[in-house]
């Protein structure tokens, strides 16, 4: 296969074995997690913590604004808004 025919970016879910294989087969490709799976994971983790419907809606609105930001210069502002919305539930913003 030609080097220029290899993918530069691969988007997958967080299947650890698949991530390992992708890194081995396509070592120069950037491996990104699928936004759909990220959204589902954030919603699942935060839903356990945020019980009130109005608070849940506020947190999800802040999350939506963060991931749908239009320009890079706005990202920090939207991240701070999400962190503030989640301040009663710090585990919602713990990443890693």
C-alpha atoms as a PDB file:
ATOM      1  CA  UNK A   1       0.000   0.000   0.000  1.00  0.00           C
ATOM      2  CA  UNK A   2       1.313   3.475  -0.830  1.00  0.00           C
ATOM      3  CA  UNK A   3       2.246   5.594   2.174  1.00  0.00           C
ATOM      4  CA  UNK A   4       0.103   8.468   0.915  1.00  0.00           C
ATOM      5  CA  UNK A   5      -2.875   6.091   0.724  1.00  0.00           C
ATOM      6  CA  UNK A   6      -2.755   5.351   4.455  1.00  0.00           C
ATOM      7  CA  UNK A   7      -5.314   7.124   6.638  1.00  0.00           C
ATOM      8  CA  UNK A   8      -4.140  10.204   8.516  1.00  0.00           C
ATOM      9  CA  UNK A   9      -7.004  10.081  11.029  1.00  0.00           C
ATOM     10  CA  UNK A  10      -9.028   7.157  12.366  1.00  0.00           C
ATOM     11  CA  UNK A  11     -12.188   7.684  14.433  1.00  0.00           C
ATOM     12  CA  UNK A  12     -13.274   4.793  16.655  1.00  0.00           C
ATOM     13  CA  UNK A  13     -15.045   4.065  19.909  1.00  0.00           C
ATOM     14  CA  UNK A  14     -13.029   3.425  23.051  1.00  0.00           C
ATOM     15  CA  UNK A  15     -12.454  -0.260  22.386  1.00  0.00           C
ATOM     16  CA  UNK A  16      -8.992  -0.678  23.932  1.00  0.00           C
ATOM     17  CA  UNK A  17      -8.018  -3.672  21.814  1.00  0.00           C
ATOM     18  CA  UNK A  18      -9.049  -1.849  18.634  1.00  0.00           C
ATOM     19  CA  UNK A  19      -7.096   1.243  19.708  1.00  0.00           C
ATOM     20  CA  UNK A  20      -3.993  -0.894  20.199  1.00  0.00           C
ATOM     21  CA  UNK A  21      -4.348  -2.569  16.803  1.00  0.00           C
ATOM     22  CA  UNK A  22      -4.907   0.770  15.057  1.00  0.00           C
ATOM     23  CA  UNK A  23      -1.726   2.126  16.639  1.00  0.00           C
ATOM     24  CA  UNK A  24       0.202  -0.944  15.432  1.00  0.00           C
ATOM     25  CA  UNK A  25      -1.222  -1.081  11.895  1.00  0.00           C
ATOM     26  CA  UNK A  26      -1.359   2.691  11.315  1.00  0.00           C
ATOM     27  CA  UNK A  27       1.364   4.106  13.604  1.00  0.00           C
ATOM     28  CA  UNK A  28       1.327   7.560  11.990  1.00  0.00           C
ATOM     29  CA  UNK A  29      -2.451   8.021  12.057  1.00  0.00           C
ATOM     30  CA  UNK A  30      -4.136  10.218  14.623  1.00  0.00           C
ATOM     31  CA  UNK A  31      -6.588   8.120  16.631  1.00  0.00           C
ATOM     32  CA  UNK A  32      -9.705  10.077  17.678  1.00  0.00           C
ATOM     33  CA  UNK A  33     -12.656   8.959  19.741  1.00  0.00           C
ATOM     34  CA  UNK A  34     -16.054   9.177  18.074  1.00  0.00           C
ATOM     35  CA  UNK A  35     -18.090  12.133  19.308  1.00  0.00           C
ATOM     36  CA  UNK A  36     -21.225   9.993  19.518  1.00  0.00           C
ATOM     37  CA  UNK A  37     -19.492   7.666  21.981  1.00  0.00           C
ATOM     38  CA  UNK A  38     -18.008  10.577  23.927  1.00  0.00           C
ATOM     39  CA  UNK A  39     -21.465  12.178  24.232  1.00  0.00           C
ATOM     40  CA  UNK A  40     -22.998   8.900  25.383  1.00  0.00           C
ATOM     41  CA  UNK A  41     -20.254   8.416  27.956  1.00  0.00           C
ATOM     42  CA  UNK A  42     -20.575  11.968  29.322  1.00  0.00           C
ATOM     43  CA  UNK A  43     -24.357  11.645  29.541  1.00  0.00           C
ATOM     44  CA  UNK A  44     -24.174   8.261  31.258  1.00  0.00           C
ATOM     45  CA  UNK A  45     -21.594   9.381  33.827  1.00  0.00           C
ATOM     46  CA  UNK A  46     -23.220  12.749  34.561  1.00  0.00           C
ATOM     47  CA  UNK A  47     -26.793  11.411  34.655  1.00  0.00           C
ATOM     48  CA  UNK A  48     -25.870   9.273  37.667  1.00  0.00           C
ATOM     49  CA  UNK A  49     -24.701  12.388  39.520  1.00  0.00           C
ATOM     50  CA  UNK A  50     -27.208  15.040  38.414  1.00  0.00           C
ATOM     51  CA  UNK A  51     -30.638  13.983  39.627  1.00  0.00           C
ATOM     52  CA  UNK A  52     -32.699  17.158  39.191  1.00  0.00           C
ATOM     53  CA  UNK A  53     -34.173  17.628  35.713  1.00  0.00           C
ATOM     54  CA  UNK A  54     -33.574  21.384  35.555  1.00  0.00           C
ATOM     55  CA  UNK A  55     -29.960  20.930  36.686  1.00  0.00           C
ATOM     56  CA  UNK A  56     -29.509  18.117  34.167  1.00  0.00           C
ATOM     57  CA  UNK A  57     -30.817  20.340  31.370  1.00  0.00           C
ATOM     58  CA  UNK A  58     -28.444  23.139  32.440  1.00  0.00           C
ATOM     59  CA  UNK A  59     -25.441  20.774  32.456  1.00  0.00           C
ATOM     60  CA  UNK A  60     -26.355  19.284  29.069  1.00  0.00           C
ATOM     61  CA  UNK A  61     -26.850  22.737  27.555  1.00  0.00           C
ATOM     62  CA  UNK A  62     -23.379  23.721  28.771  1.00  0.00           C
ATOM     63  CA  UNK A  63     -21.959  20.451  27.384  1.00  0.00           C
ATOM     64  CA  UNK A  64     -23.637  21.042  24.016  1.00  0.00           C
ATOM     65  CA  UNK A  65     -22.234  24.561  23.824  1.00  0.00           C
ATOM     66  CA  UNK A  66     -18.775  23.269  24.649  1.00  0.00           C
ATOM     67  CA  UNK A  67     -18.664  20.584  21.976  1.00  0.00           C
ATOM     68  CA  UNK A  68     -20.394  22.763  19.362  1.00  0.00           C
ATOM     69  CA  UNK A  69     -18.214  25.845  19.830  1.00  0.00           C
ATOM     70  CA  UNK A  70     -17.675  27.723  16.577  1.00  0.00           C
ATOM     71  CA  UNK A  71     -14.185  29.117  17.001  1.00  0.00           C
ATOM     72  CA  UNK A  72     -11.164  28.022  18.962  1.00  0.00           C
ATOM     73  CA  UNK A  73     -10.945  31.348  20.792  1.00  0.00           C
ATOM     74  CA  UNK A  74     -14.321  30.578  22.454  1.00  0.00           C
ATOM     75  CA  UNK A  75     -13.351  27.116  23.709  1.00  0.00           C
ATOM     76  CA  UNK A  76     -11.916  28.253  27.067  1.00  0.00           C
ATOM     77  CA  UNK A  77     -15.049  30.289  27.772  1.00  0.00           C
ATOM     78  CA  UNK A  78     -17.348  27.341  27.034  1.00  0.00           C
ATOM     79  CA  UNK A  79     -15.149  25.013  29.080  1.00  0.00           C
ATOM     80  CA  UNK A  80     -15.389  27.380  32.065  1.00  0.00           C
ATOM     81  CA  UNK A  81     -19.174  27.525  31.627  1.00  0.00           C
ATOM     82  CA  UNK A  82     -19.375  23.723  31.599  1.00  0.00           C
ATOM     83  CA  UNK A  83     -17.134  23.474  34.667  1.00  0.00           C
ATOM     84  CA  UNK A  84     -19.312  26.056  36.442  1.00  0.00           C
ATOM     85  CA  UNK A  85     -22.511  24.203  35.487  1.00  0.00           C
ATOM     86  CA  UNK A  86     -20.978  21.017  36.905  1.00  0.00           C
ATOM     87  CA  UNK A  87     -19.412  22.582  40.001  1.00  0.00           C
ATOM     88  CA  UNK A  88     -21.815  20.763  42.374  1.00  0.00           C
ATOM     89  CA  UNK A  89     -20.758  17.509  40.676  1.00  0.00           C
ATOM     90  CA  UNK A  90     -16.974  17.721  40.092  1.00  0.00           C
ATOM     91  CA  UNK A  91     -16.837  14.136  38.796  1.00  0.00           C
ATOM     92  CA  UNK A  92     -18.687  15.357  35.665  1.00  0.00           C
ATOM     93  CA  UNK A  93     -15.624  17.325  34.602  1.00  0.00           C
ATOM     94  CA  UNK A  94     -12.971  14.887  35.739  1.00  0.00           C
ATOM     95  CA  UNK A  95     -11.336  13.528  32.629  1.00  0.00           C
ATOM     96  CA  UNK A  96      -8.615  11.063  31.927  1.00  0.00           C
END
